[in-house]
N, C-alpha and C. Protein backbone atom coordinates (compact mmCIF):
# COMPACT_ATOMS: atom_id res chain seq x y z
N MET A 1 1.08 -1.25 0.10
CA MET A 1 0.30 -0.51 -0.11
C MET A 1 0.70 1.12 -0.04
N THR A 2 0.23 1.82 -0.81
CA THR A 2 1.39 3.61 -0.82
C THR A 2 0.83 4.06 -0.07
N SER A 3 1.78 4.88 0.70
CA SER A 3 1.36 5.46 2.57
C SER A 3 1.54 7.15 2.03
N VAL A 4 1.11 7.74 2.80
CA VAL A 4 1.03 8.89 2.40
C VAL A 4 1.93 10.20 2.17
N PHE A 5 2.43 9.94 2.65
CA PHE A 5 4.15 10.17 2.42
C PHE A 5 4.96 10.01 1.33
N ASP A 6 4.18 9.59 0.23
CA ASP A 6 4.44 8.72 -1.30
C ASP A 6 3.77 9.67 -2.16
N LEU A 7 2.26 10.29 -1.64
CA LEU A 7 1.64 10.38 -2.96
C LEU A 7 2.20 11.50 -3.53
N ALA A 8 2.26 12.70 -3.14
CA ALA A 8 3.37 13.74 -3.86
C ALA A 8 4.42 13.35 -4.59
N GLU A 9 5.16 12.20 -4.46
CA GLU A 9 6.53 11.80 -5.51
C GLU A 9 4.98 11.06 -7.24
N LEU A 10 4.15 10.68 -6.34
CA LEU A 10 3.41 9.26 -7.38
C LEU A 10 2.94 10.40 -8.10
N ALA A 11 2.41 11.91 -7.19
CA ALA A 11 1.34 12.44 -8.46
C ALA A 11 2.50 13.89 -9.12
N GLY A 12 3.73 13.68 -9.16
CA GLY A 12 4.60 14.32 -9.72
C GLY A 12 4.84 15.52 -9.31
N LEU A 13 4.61 15.66 -8.22
CA LEU A 13 4.24 17.13 -7.40
C LEU A 13 5.68 17.39 -6.56
N ALA A 14 6.72 16.27 -6.65
CA ALA A 14 7.64 16.65 -5.51
C ALA A 14 8.30 15.30 -6.13
N PRO A 15 9.56 15.86 -6.28
CA PRO A 15 10.58 14.81 -5.80
C PRO A 15 11.02 13.97 -4.35
N ALA A 16 11.56 12.39 -4.75
CA ALA A 16 11.64 12.21 -3.41
C ALA A 16 12.86 13.01 -2.43
N ALA A 17 13.24 13.58 -3.42
CA ALA A 17 14.29 14.07 -1.86
C ALA A 17 13.78 15.63 -1.78
N ALA A 18 12.65 15.71 -2.14
CA ALA A 18 12.47 17.01 -1.23
C ALA A 18 10.71 16.98 -1.14
N PRO A 19 10.26 16.07 -0.29
CA PRO A 19 9.21 15.43 0.27
C PRO A 19 8.06 16.44 0.85
N VAL A 20 6.85 16.39 0.18
CA VAL A 20 6.01 17.70 1.33
C VAL A 20 6.25 17.63 2.15
N PRO A 21 6.36 19.02 3.71
CA PRO A 21 7.06 18.33 4.96
C PRO A 21 5.06 18.67 5.13
N VAL A 22 4.30 19.45 5.07
CA VAL A 22 3.54 19.74 5.71
C VAL A 22 2.41 19.39 5.28
N VAL A 23 0.98 18.77 5.55
CA VAL A 23 -0.46 18.72 5.08
C VAL A 23 -1.56 19.73 5.87
N PRO A 24 -1.55 20.39 5.03
CA PRO A 24 -2.64 21.43 5.50
C PRO A 24 -3.94 20.55 5.69
N VAL A 25 -5.00 21.10 6.75
CA VAL A 25 -5.30 20.28 8.20
C VAL A 25 -6.76 21.89 7.17
N VAL A 26 -7.40 21.18 6.78
CA VAL A 26 -8.84 21.97 6.03
C VAL A 26 -10.64 22.59 6.59
N VAL A 27 -11.03 22.97 7.18
CA VAL A 27 -12.05 22.67 7.45
C VAL A 27 -13.24 23.78 7.15
N ILE A 28 -13.52 23.74 6.03
CA ILE A 28 -14.50 24.10 5.07
C ILE A 28 -15.84 24.50 5.57
N GLU A 29 -16.28 25.62 5.74
CA GLU A 29 -17.52 26.50 6.06
C GLU A 29 -18.59 26.13 4.69
N ASP A 30 -17.75 26.58 3.78
CA ASP A 30 -18.31 27.44 2.25
C ASP A 30 -18.00 26.55 1.16
N ALA A 31 -18.93 25.51 0.84
CA ALA A 31 -17.77 24.42 -0.40
C ALA A 31 -17.50 25.62 -1.36
N ALA A 32 -17.69 26.68 -2.15
CA ALA A 32 -17.67 27.96 -2.31
C ALA A 32 -16.03 28.22 -2.31
N ASP A 33 -15.07 28.64 -1.23
CA ASP A 33 -14.28 28.44 -0.81
C ASP A 33 -13.52 27.44 -1.08
N ALA A 34 -13.38 26.83 -1.38
CA ALA A 34 -12.72 25.19 -1.54
C ALA A 34 -11.61 25.56 -2.65
N VAL A 35 -12.36 25.88 -4.13
CA VAL A 35 -11.15 25.92 -4.84
C VAL A 35 -10.60 27.10 -4.59
N PRO A 36 -10.91 28.26 -4.43
CA PRO A 36 -9.69 29.18 -4.39
C PRO A 36 -8.63 29.10 -3.25
N LEU A 37 -8.96 28.48 -1.97
CA LEU A 37 -8.17 27.88 -1.15
C LEU A 37 -7.56 26.89 -1.97
N ALA A 38 -7.99 25.56 -2.47
CA ALA A 38 -6.87 25.08 -2.32
C ALA A 38 -5.33 25.66 -3.79
N ARG A 39 -6.07 25.69 -4.55
CA ARG A 39 -5.10 26.62 -5.31
C ARG A 39 -4.51 27.69 -4.55
N ALA A 40 -5.02 28.03 -3.41
CA ALA A 40 -3.57 28.83 -3.07
C ALA A 40 -2.90 28.31 -2.30
N LEU A 41 -3.07 26.80 -1.87
CA LEU A 41 -1.91 25.97 -1.37
C LEU A 41 -1.25 25.38 -1.73
N VAL A 42 -2.00 24.79 -3.26
CA VAL A 42 -0.85 24.60 -4.50
C VAL A 42 -0.25 25.09 -4.39
N ALA A 43 -1.01 26.82 -4.67
CA ALA A 43 0.20 27.89 -5.21
C ALA A 43 1.92 27.77 -4.02
N GLY A 44 1.03 27.46 -3.00
CA GLY A 44 2.50 28.19 -2.29
C GLY A 44 2.80 26.77 -1.47
N GLY A 45 2.44 25.29 -2.25
CA GLY A 45 3.98 24.67 -2.28
C GLY A 45 3.47 23.21 -1.70
N LEU A 46 2.19 23.05 -1.18
CA LEU A 46 1.58 22.48 -0.49
C LEU A 46 0.24 21.84 -0.80
N PRO A 47 0.80 20.70 -2.53
CA PRO A 47 -0.50 20.33 -2.80
C PRO A 47 -1.37 19.06 -2.27
N LEU A 48 -0.37 18.31 -0.66
CA LEU A 48 -1.13 17.42 0.11
C LEU A 48 -2.38 18.33 0.13
N ILE A 49 -4.06 17.62 0.53
CA ILE A 49 -4.69 18.65 1.45
C ILE A 49 -5.62 17.80 2.03
N GLU A 50 -5.84 17.74 3.07
CA GLU A 50 -6.66 17.15 4.23
C GLU A 50 -8.04 17.82 4.08
N ILE A 51 -8.88 17.80 3.96
CA ILE A 51 -10.30 18.38 3.56
C ILE A 51 -11.53 17.68 4.91
N THR A 52 -11.30 18.09 5.91
CA THR A 52 -11.48 17.13 7.64
C THR A 52 -13.57 17.08 7.25
N LEU A 53 -14.09 15.86 7.90
CA LEU A 53 -15.21 15.52 7.26
C LEU A 53 -16.22 16.19 8.42
N ARG A 54 -15.89 17.61 8.50
CA ARG A 54 -16.50 17.95 9.90
C ARG A 54 -17.21 18.84 9.72
N THR A 55 -17.95 19.25 8.08
CA THR A 55 -18.85 19.95 8.28
C THR A 55 -20.04 19.48 6.85
N SER A 56 -21.51 20.11 6.63
CA SER A 56 -22.06 19.56 5.86
C SER A 56 -21.48 20.10 4.67
N ALA A 57 -20.50 20.80 4.42
CA ALA A 57 -19.68 21.11 3.07
C ALA A 57 -18.56 20.40 2.90
N ALA A 58 -18.12 19.35 3.80
CA ALA A 58 -16.85 19.08 3.18
C ALA A 58 -17.10 18.23 1.97
N LEU A 59 -17.95 17.46 1.93
CA LEU A 59 -18.30 16.30 0.61
C LEU A 59 -18.12 16.91 -0.75
N ASP A 60 -19.19 18.30 -0.86
CA ASP A 60 -19.06 19.33 -1.84
C ASP A 60 -17.74 20.04 -1.56
N ALA A 61 -17.12 20.53 -0.71
CA ALA A 61 -15.57 20.83 -1.20
C ALA A 61 -14.65 19.70 -1.73
N LEU A 62 -14.50 18.26 -1.89
CA LEU A 62 -13.85 17.60 -1.87
C LEU A 62 -14.18 17.56 -3.67
N ARG A 63 -15.41 17.19 -3.36
CA ARG A 63 -15.16 16.90 -5.26
C ARG A 63 -15.09 18.27 -5.42
N ALA A 64 -15.71 19.56 -6.00
CA ALA A 64 -14.86 20.04 -6.42
C ALA A 64 -13.21 20.34 -6.74
N VAL A 65 -12.75 20.23 -5.09
CA VAL A 65 -11.18 20.16 -5.36
C VAL A 65 -10.57 19.36 -6.55
N ALA A 66 -11.32 18.08 -6.24
CA ALA A 66 -10.73 16.94 -6.96
C ALA A 66 -11.17 17.56 -8.52
N ALA A 67 -11.99 17.65 -8.70
CA ALA A 67 -12.78 17.59 -10.37
C ALA A 67 -11.65 19.03 -10.73
N GLU A 68 -11.73 20.45 -10.19
CA GLU A 68 -10.71 21.88 -10.60
C GLU A 68 -9.92 22.06 -10.47
N VAL A 69 -8.85 21.49 -9.18
CA VAL A 69 -7.46 21.90 -9.10
C VAL A 69 -6.68 20.91 -9.16
N PRO A 70 -6.29 20.39 -10.34
CA PRO A 70 -5.80 18.40 -10.51
C PRO A 70 -4.14 18.86 -10.14
N ASP A 71 -3.33 19.45 -9.93
CA ASP A 71 -2.27 20.03 -9.28
C ASP A 71 -2.31 19.38 -7.49
N ALA A 72 -3.88 19.18 -7.23
CA ALA A 72 -3.93 19.18 -5.56
C ALA A 72 -4.10 17.26 -5.41
N VAL A 73 -3.64 17.12 -4.50
CA VAL A 73 -3.76 15.39 -4.15
C VAL A 73 -4.49 15.80 -2.60
N VAL A 74 -6.28 15.94 -3.23
CA VAL A 74 -6.85 16.13 -1.92
C VAL A 74 -7.16 14.52 -1.16
N GLY A 75 -7.25 15.11 -0.07
CA GLY A 75 -7.72 13.40 0.99
C GLY A 75 -8.87 14.20 2.09
N ALA A 76 -9.38 13.17 2.54
CA ALA A 76 -9.96 12.94 3.28
C ALA A 76 -9.50 12.88 4.72
N GLY A 77 -9.79 14.50 5.80
CA GLY A 77 -10.58 13.94 7.40
C GLY A 77 -10.79 13.47 8.41
N THR A 78 -11.00 13.41 9.62
CA THR A 78 -11.80 12.81 10.68
C THR A 78 -12.87 12.43 10.22
N VAL A 79 -12.20 11.23 9.46
CA VAL A 79 -12.63 9.72 8.76
C VAL A 79 -13.16 8.89 9.85
N VAL A 80 -14.34 8.97 10.65
CA VAL A 80 -14.33 7.99 11.79
C VAL A 80 -15.24 6.58 11.14
N SER A 81 -16.75 6.73 10.42
CA SER A 81 -17.23 5.50 10.19
C SER A 81 -16.52 5.00 8.33
N ALA A 82 -17.42 3.07 8.81
CA ALA A 82 -17.02 2.69 6.96
C ALA A 82 -18.15 3.94 6.33
N ALA A 83 -18.92 4.37 6.53
CA ALA A 83 -20.24 4.77 5.62
C ALA A 83 -19.46 6.25 5.59
N GLY A 84 -18.20 6.80 6.16
CA GLY A 84 -17.62 7.88 6.07
C GLY A 84 -16.16 7.66 5.29
N VAL A 85 -15.88 6.15 5.30
CA VAL A 85 -15.20 6.18 4.11
C VAL A 85 -15.36 6.13 2.77
N ALA A 86 -16.59 5.19 2.91
CA ALA A 86 -17.08 5.16 1.01
C ALA A 86 -17.47 6.68 0.57
N ASP A 87 -18.27 7.54 1.64
CA ASP A 87 -18.96 8.63 1.35
C ASP A 87 -17.03 9.85 0.74
N ALA A 88 -16.03 9.58 1.33
CA ALA A 88 -14.44 10.49 0.86
C ALA A 88 -14.08 9.62 0.02
N VAL A 89 -14.06 8.55 -0.45
CA VAL A 89 -13.80 8.22 -2.11
C VAL A 89 -14.61 8.84 -2.71
N GLY A 90 -15.74 8.21 -2.89
CA GLY A 90 -16.75 8.54 -3.68
C GLY A 90 -16.67 9.96 -4.31
N ALA A 91 -16.56 10.76 -3.24
CA ALA A 91 -16.52 12.19 -3.08
C ALA A 91 -14.52 12.64 -4.28
N GLY A 92 -14.07 11.89 -4.21
CA GLY A 92 -13.05 11.87 -4.93
C GLY A 92 -11.26 12.03 -3.84
N ALA A 93 -11.30 11.89 -2.91
CA ALA A 93 -10.46 11.60 -1.67
C ALA A 93 -9.54 10.52 -1.85
N ARG A 94 -8.25 11.00 -2.02
CA ARG A 94 -7.02 10.20 -2.41
C ARG A 94 -5.99 10.11 -1.65
N PHE A 95 -6.55 10.54 -0.78
CA PHE A 95 -6.50 9.25 0.58
C PHE A 95 -7.38 9.99 2.29
N LEU A 96 -6.86 9.08 3.32
CA LEU A 96 -7.97 9.48 4.42
C LEU A 96 -7.14 9.23 5.28
N VAL A 97 -7.57 10.01 6.73
CA VAL A 97 -7.17 10.40 7.76
C VAL A 97 -7.72 9.98 9.32
N SER A 98 -7.52 9.33 9.83
CA SER A 98 -9.00 9.19 10.48
C SER A 98 -8.22 9.69 12.37
N PRO A 99 -8.56 10.01 13.18
CA PRO A 99 -8.44 10.65 14.05
C PRO A 99 -7.43 9.47 15.42
N GLY A 100 -8.83 7.96 14.58
CA GLY A 100 -7.86 6.97 15.79
C GLY A 100 -8.48 5.75 14.74
N TRP A 101 -8.58 5.07 15.14
CA TRP A 101 -9.33 3.46 15.01
C TRP A 101 -9.86 2.85 15.75
N THR A 102 -10.96 1.24 14.57
CA THR A 102 -11.58 0.39 15.27
C THR A 102 -10.84 -0.39 14.23
N GLU A 103 -11.51 -1.95 14.22
CA GLU A 103 -11.11 -3.64 13.77
C GLU A 103 -12.37 -2.76 11.89
N ARG A 104 -13.61 -1.97 12.49
CA ARG A 104 -13.68 -2.16 10.99
C ARG A 104 -14.10 -0.60 10.14
N LEU A 105 -13.65 0.53 11.19
CA LEU A 105 -12.94 1.19 10.25
C LEU A 105 -11.83 0.80 9.61
N LEU A 106 -10.39 0.92 10.38
CA LEU A 106 -9.58 0.19 9.44
C LEU A 106 -9.76 -0.96 8.39
N GLY A 107 -10.47 -1.85 8.79
CA GLY A 107 -10.90 -3.04 7.69
C GLY A 107 -11.95 -1.74 6.61
N ALA A 108 -12.65 -0.90 6.30
CA ALA A 108 -13.45 0.13 5.69
C ALA A 108 -11.74 0.65 5.36
N MET A 109 -10.98 1.43 5.56
CA MET A 109 -10.01 1.90 4.96
C MET A 109 -9.13 1.20 4.22
N ARG A 110 -9.23 0.10 4.64
CA ARG A 110 -8.08 -0.56 3.97
C ARG A 110 -8.69 -1.41 2.89
N ASP A 111 -9.90 -1.35 2.82
CA ASP A 111 -10.52 -2.06 1.41
C ASP A 111 -10.67 -1.05 0.81
N SER A 112 -10.31 1.07 0.61
CA SER A 112 -11.03 0.88 0.07
C SER A 112 -10.28 1.36 -1.23
N GLY A 113 -8.93 1.20 -0.83
CA GLY A 113 -7.57 0.95 -2.14
C GLY A 113 -7.20 2.17 -2.42
N VAL A 114 -7.52 3.10 -0.90
CA VAL A 114 -6.41 4.53 -1.33
C VAL A 114 -6.11 4.49 -0.26
N PRO A 115 -4.84 5.05 -0.18
CA PRO A 115 -3.76 5.41 1.30
C PRO A 115 -4.17 5.89 2.43
N PHE A 116 -4.17 5.80 3.62
CA PHE A 116 -4.34 5.66 4.67
C PHE A 116 -3.74 6.23 6.22
N LEU A 117 -4.20 6.54 6.85
CA LEU A 117 -3.35 7.21 8.06
C LEU A 117 -4.27 7.38 9.01
N PRO A 118 -4.08 5.62 10.11
CA PRO A 118 -5.37 5.72 10.92
C PRO A 118 -4.60 6.42 12.47
N GLY A 119 -5.45 6.85 13.28
CA GLY A 119 -4.83 7.97 14.18
C GLY A 119 -4.10 6.79 15.52
N VAL A 120 -3.16 7.29 15.86
CA VAL A 120 -3.31 6.61 17.92
C VAL A 120 -2.38 7.49 18.67
N SER A 121 -2.40 7.65 19.61
CA SER A 121 -1.95 7.82 20.81
C SER A 121 -1.25 7.55 21.54
N THR A 122 -0.90 6.17 21.93
CA THR A 122 -0.03 5.45 22.79
C THR A 122 0.46 4.29 22.05
N ALA A 123 1.65 4.01 22.76
CA ALA A 123 2.73 2.72 22.31
C ALA A 123 1.43 1.39 21.66
N SER A 124 0.36 0.97 22.47
CA SER A 124 -0.48 0.16 22.41
C SER A 124 -0.81 -0.18 21.16
N GLU A 125 -1.23 1.14 20.92
CA GLU A 125 -1.99 1.41 19.37
C GLU A 125 -1.38 0.94 18.57
N VAL A 126 0.28 1.85 18.17
CA VAL A 126 1.11 1.89 17.58
C VAL A 126 1.35 0.11 17.21
N VAL A 127 1.50 -0.39 18.52
CA VAL A 127 1.81 -1.92 18.14
C VAL A 127 0.51 -2.67 17.17
N ALA A 128 -0.56 -2.53 17.86
CA ALA A 128 -1.47 -3.43 17.25
C ALA A 128 -1.47 -2.85 15.72
N LEU A 129 -1.21 -1.52 15.13
CA LEU A 129 -1.70 -1.52 14.23
C LEU A 129 0.15 -2.10 13.26
N LEU A 130 1.15 -2.13 14.16
CA LEU A 130 2.02 -2.33 12.82
C LEU A 130 2.02 -4.00 13.14
N GLU A 131 1.23 -4.74 14.05
CA GLU A 131 0.62 -6.30 14.28
C GLU A 131 -0.46 -6.49 13.14
N ARG A 132 -1.02 -5.48 12.87
CA ARG A 132 -1.72 -6.06 11.32
C ARG A 132 -1.64 -5.43 9.75
N GLY A 133 0.28 -4.75 9.76
CA GLY A 133 0.68 -4.32 8.75
C GLY A 133 0.41 -3.39 8.54
N VAL A 134 0.43 -2.11 9.53
CA VAL A 134 0.07 -0.76 9.02
C VAL A 134 1.40 -0.03 10.25
N ASP A 135 2.07 0.44 8.97
CA ASP A 135 3.39 1.09 9.64
C ASP A 135 4.04 2.70 9.24
N THR A 136 1.94 3.14 8.85
CA THR A 136 2.27 4.96 8.60
C THR A 136 0.76 5.58 8.89
N MET A 137 1.46 5.92 9.94
CA MET A 137 0.04 6.82 10.90
C MET A 137 -0.24 7.94 11.42
N LYS A 138 -1.44 8.61 12.22
CA LYS A 138 -1.48 9.84 12.09
C LYS A 138 -0.95 9.72 13.91
N PHE A 139 -0.26 10.66 14.27
CA PHE A 139 0.03 10.68 15.95
C PHE A 139 -1.02 11.25 16.06
N PHE A 140 -1.99 11.64 17.06
CA PHE A 140 -2.78 12.67 17.10
C PHE A 140 -3.83 12.95 18.87
N PRO A 141 -3.68 13.44 19.70
CA PRO A 141 -3.80 15.01 19.01
C PRO A 141 -2.27 15.64 19.09
N ALA A 142 -1.60 15.43 19.02
CA ALA A 142 0.36 15.65 18.95
C ALA A 142 0.88 16.04 20.87
N GLU A 143 0.06 17.26 20.48
CA GLU A 143 0.83 18.19 21.37
C GLU A 143 0.07 17.52 22.76
N ALA A 144 -1.05 17.48 22.72
CA ALA A 144 -1.27 16.75 24.21
C ALA A 144 -0.81 15.42 24.43
N ALA A 145 -0.60 14.63 23.16
CA ALA A 145 -0.70 13.38 23.60
C ALA A 145 1.07 12.44 23.92
N GLY A 146 1.73 13.81 23.90
CA GLY A 146 3.45 13.95 24.41
C GLY A 146 4.07 14.73 23.74
N GLY A 147 3.75 14.91 22.62
CA GLY A 147 4.62 15.59 21.36
C GLY A 147 6.21 15.03 21.33
N VAL A 148 7.34 15.66 20.57
CA VAL A 148 8.06 15.85 20.45
C VAL A 148 9.26 14.35 21.43
N PRO A 149 8.99 15.15 23.09
CA PRO A 149 9.10 13.84 23.46
C PRO A 149 8.64 12.30 23.24
N TYR A 150 7.63 12.06 23.09
CA TYR A 150 6.68 10.80 23.55
C TYR A 150 7.06 10.58 21.70
N LEU A 151 7.54 11.32 20.95
CA LEU A 151 7.52 10.63 19.92
C LEU A 151 8.85 10.03 19.33
N LYS A 152 9.81 10.82 20.38
CA LYS A 152 11.04 10.15 20.31
C LYS A 152 11.58 9.49 20.96
N SER A 153 10.87 8.86 22.10
CA SER A 153 11.05 7.83 22.65
C SER A 153 10.43 6.27 21.81
N LEU A 154 9.42 6.52 21.36
CA LEU A 154 9.08 5.58 20.61
C LEU A 154 9.64 4.46 19.20
N ALA A 155 10.95 5.01 19.17
CA ALA A 155 11.93 5.87 17.76
C ALA A 155 12.44 4.54 18.12
N GLY A 156 12.96 4.13 19.08
CA GLY A 156 13.83 3.08 19.40
C GLY A 156 13.36 1.97 19.48
N PRO A 157 12.29 1.58 20.53
CA PRO A 157 11.84 0.30 20.42
C PRO A 157 10.24 0.00 19.30
N LEU A 158 10.49 1.10 19.03
CA LEU A 158 9.25 0.67 17.58
C LEU A 158 9.65 1.45 16.15
N PRO A 159 10.99 1.13 15.72
CA PRO A 159 11.89 1.44 14.36
C PRO A 159 11.06 1.81 13.32
N ARG A 160 9.84 0.56 13.16
CA ARG A 160 9.12 0.67 11.80
C ARG A 160 8.32 1.07 11.76
N ALA A 161 7.77 2.06 12.92
CA ALA A 161 6.71 2.64 12.72
C ALA A 161 6.58 4.41 11.78
N ARG A 162 6.31 5.06 11.20
CA ARG A 162 6.48 6.41 11.06
C ARG A 162 5.10 7.37 11.10
N PHE A 163 4.84 8.69 11.61
CA PHE A 163 4.35 8.71 11.86
C PHE A 163 3.95 10.72 10.92
N CYS A 164 2.58 11.20 11.02
CA CYS A 164 2.32 12.21 10.51
C CYS A 164 1.50 12.92 12.01
N PRO A 165 2.19 13.75 12.80
CA PRO A 165 1.84 14.40 14.10
C PRO A 165 0.90 16.00 13.59
N THR A 166 -0.14 15.34 14.06
CA THR A 166 -1.38 16.78 14.10
C THR A 166 -1.82 16.87 15.25
N GLY A 167 -2.58 18.47 15.88
CA GLY A 167 -3.29 18.17 16.49
C GLY A 167 -2.05 19.32 17.51
N GLY A 168 -2.39 20.27 17.36
CA GLY A 168 -1.47 22.02 18.23
C GLY A 168 0.01 21.88 17.34
N VAL A 169 0.54 21.36 16.35
CA VAL A 169 1.24 21.46 15.17
C VAL A 169 1.48 22.92 15.52
N SER A 170 2.53 23.84 15.48
CA SER A 170 2.42 25.53 14.59
C SER A 170 4.00 25.23 13.90
N LEU A 171 4.33 26.41 13.41
CA LEU A 171 4.87 26.66 12.64
C LEU A 171 6.06 26.43 13.35
N ALA A 172 6.30 27.19 14.72
CA ALA A 172 7.49 27.19 15.36
C ALA A 172 7.99 25.90 16.04
N SER A 173 6.24 24.79 16.11
CA SER A 173 6.69 23.34 16.53
C SER A 173 7.32 22.28 15.61
N ALA A 174 7.09 22.37 14.53
CA ALA A 174 7.38 21.90 13.25
C ALA A 174 8.28 21.80 13.41
N PRO A 175 9.44 22.42 12.99
CA PRO A 175 10.93 21.80 13.04
C PRO A 175 11.10 20.69 13.55
N ALA A 176 11.44 20.75 14.81
CA ALA A 176 11.54 20.09 15.95
C ALA A 176 10.83 18.04 15.45
N TYR A 177 9.10 18.68 15.15
CA TYR A 177 9.03 17.16 14.66
C TYR A 177 9.55 16.44 13.53
N LEU A 178 9.50 17.64 12.28
CA LEU A 178 10.37 16.95 11.10
C LEU A 178 11.33 16.26 11.40
N SER A 179 12.34 16.82 12.36
CA SER A 179 13.86 16.26 12.64
C SER A 179 13.81 14.85 13.22
N LEU A 180 12.59 14.23 13.71
CA LEU A 180 12.73 13.33 13.94
C LEU A 180 12.66 12.21 12.65
N PRO A 181 13.19 10.86 12.93
CA PRO A 181 13.95 10.08 11.96
C PRO A 181 12.81 9.50 11.75
N ASN A 182 11.43 9.38 12.53
CA ASN A 182 9.92 8.59 12.53
C ASN A 182 9.07 9.02 11.97
N VAL A 183 9.81 10.55 11.61
CA VAL A 183 8.68 11.95 11.54
C VAL A 183 8.06 11.74 9.72
N GLY A 184 7.31 11.54 9.02
CA GLY A 184 6.98 11.98 7.78
C GLY A 184 6.72 13.08 7.19
N CYS A 185 5.78 13.65 7.56
CA CYS A 185 5.44 15.34 7.40
C CYS A 185 4.60 15.43 9.10
N VAL A 186 4.01 16.89 8.67
CA VAL A 186 2.96 17.56 9.82
C VAL A 186 1.98 17.60 9.33
N GLY A 187 0.97 17.63 10.53
CA GLY A 187 -0.32 18.09 10.14
C GLY A 187 -0.50 19.47 10.56
N GLY A 188 -1.26 20.23 10.18
CA GLY A 188 -1.31 21.47 10.54
C GLY A 188 -2.44 22.36 10.04
N THR A 189 -2.62 23.40 11.23
CA THR A 189 -3.55 24.91 10.10
C THR A 189 -3.42 26.22 10.45
N TRP A 190 -1.91 26.15 10.72
CA TRP A 190 -1.43 27.60 11.19
C TRP A 190 -1.27 28.36 9.52
N MET A 191 -1.31 27.70 8.72
CA MET A 191 -0.90 28.74 7.61
C MET A 191 -3.01 28.74 6.77
N LEU A 192 -3.84 28.03 7.93
CA LEU A 192 -5.24 28.84 7.56
C LEU A 192 -5.61 29.68 8.44
N PRO A 193 -5.88 31.02 8.71
CA PRO A 193 -5.86 31.50 9.97
C PRO A 193 -6.92 32.03 9.83
N PRO A 194 -8.20 31.96 11.10
CA PRO A 194 -9.87 32.05 10.41
C PRO A 194 -9.64 33.50 10.06
N ASP A 195 -9.12 33.99 9.98
CA ASP A 195 -9.76 35.39 9.89
C ASP A 195 -9.17 35.97 8.58
N ALA A 196 -8.36 35.10 7.86
CA ALA A 196 -7.85 35.18 6.53
C ALA A 196 -8.95 33.96 5.45
N LEU A 197 -9.14 33.14 6.29
CA LEU A 197 -10.66 32.59 5.83
C LEU A 197 -11.97 33.24 5.81
N ALA A 198 -12.06 33.32 6.46
CA ALA A 198 -13.50 34.72 6.55
C ALA A 198 -12.87 35.70 5.99
N ALA A 199 -12.11 36.70 5.68
CA ALA A 199 -11.96 37.94 3.89
C ALA A 199 -11.86 37.31 3.24
N ARG A 200 -11.44 35.54 3.22
CA ARG A 200 -11.07 35.33 1.39
C ARG A 200 -9.87 36.03 1.07
N ASP A 201 -9.08 35.79 2.68
CA ASP A 201 -7.12 36.35 1.72
C ASP A 201 -7.10 35.42 1.62
N TRP A 202 -7.11 35.27 -0.15
CA TRP A 202 -5.96 33.77 -0.63
C TRP A 202 -4.45 34.40 -0.78
N ALA A 203 -4.50 35.05 -1.23
CA ALA A 203 -2.58 35.76 -1.42
C ALA A 203 -1.98 35.58 -0.01
N ARG A 204 -2.95 35.66 1.23
CA ARG A 204 -2.12 35.54 2.73
C ARG A 204 -1.83 34.14 2.73
N VAL A 205 -3.23 33.33 2.68
CA VAL A 205 -2.74 31.76 2.22
C VAL A 205 -1.40 31.13 1.69
N GLU A 206 -1.79 31.48 0.36
CA GLU A 206 -0.35 30.96 -0.18
C GLU A 206 0.87 31.52 0.25
N ALA A 207 1.46 32.61 1.00
CA ALA A 207 2.28 32.88 1.29
C ALA A 207 2.37 32.52 2.58
N LEU A 208 1.81 31.95 3.71
CA LEU A 208 1.77 31.37 4.72
C LEU A 208 1.91 30.05 4.21
N ALA A 209 1.67 29.14 3.27
CA ALA A 209 2.01 27.96 2.43
C ALA A 209 3.25 28.10 1.94
N ARG A 210 3.81 28.68 1.10
CA ARG A 210 4.63 28.90 1.02
C ARG A 210 6.00 28.61 2.41
N GLU A 211 5.88 29.59 3.53
CA GLU A 211 6.57 29.39 4.76
C GLU A 211 6.59 28.20 4.83
N ALA A 212 5.30 27.16 5.27
CA ALA A 212 5.79 25.71 5.73
C ALA A 212 5.58 25.18 4.71
N ALA A 213 5.80 25.12 3.75
CA ALA A 213 6.20 24.35 2.89
C ALA A 213 8.23 24.67 2.32
N ALA A 214 8.35 25.86 3.31
CA ALA A 214 9.92 25.67 3.17
C ALA A 214 10.75 24.63 4.17
N LEU A 215 9.73 24.30 5.42
CA LEU A 215 10.40 23.39 6.33
C LEU A 215 10.85 22.42 5.99
N ARG A 216 11.85 21.88 6.62
CA ARG A 216 12.69 20.80 6.27
C ARG A 216 12.92 19.60 7.45
């Protein structure tokens, strides 16, 4: 199974030597904003875009970005049910992200045929996923669950596991996460400040995306 960390390379959006370091985590309230927002993120160098299934506009936003922003690799976040998996993939999601996992949800994500990141916050959850052949995971909520020190402590006993920390990650803290050998990327919202979204200030979003894309 292709991992989320490889999507940009497979889509021709970034060479292997320069993986996309940040996945923007997007909450869309108005589906009409999805395409210009996605174009701003792509122009700023962040082509992997996670649209969370937290609003009634999310699936329409997914469909719009999948259809109208070919340079984006759009996925669905906050996937918490088998029905959500089906809805997201049907709307054009090219990867799936969940805040946690159950056997049923994991099976649905695996059967979907697209890359997925099941969420974990404990060593036991990581081990359980490794037993099931899953080695790429979302670490959530990253800061509340122990942050950089916790992930650093997992690298020794669980070297096969790779993570995308999400939840409280900021421009200031992202470099420390990205420096860890078991972190492939981070998820964040800091390039999507609420006032910029409310004002539809896509130029500001693009500038903040470019700043995030420069992290390594």
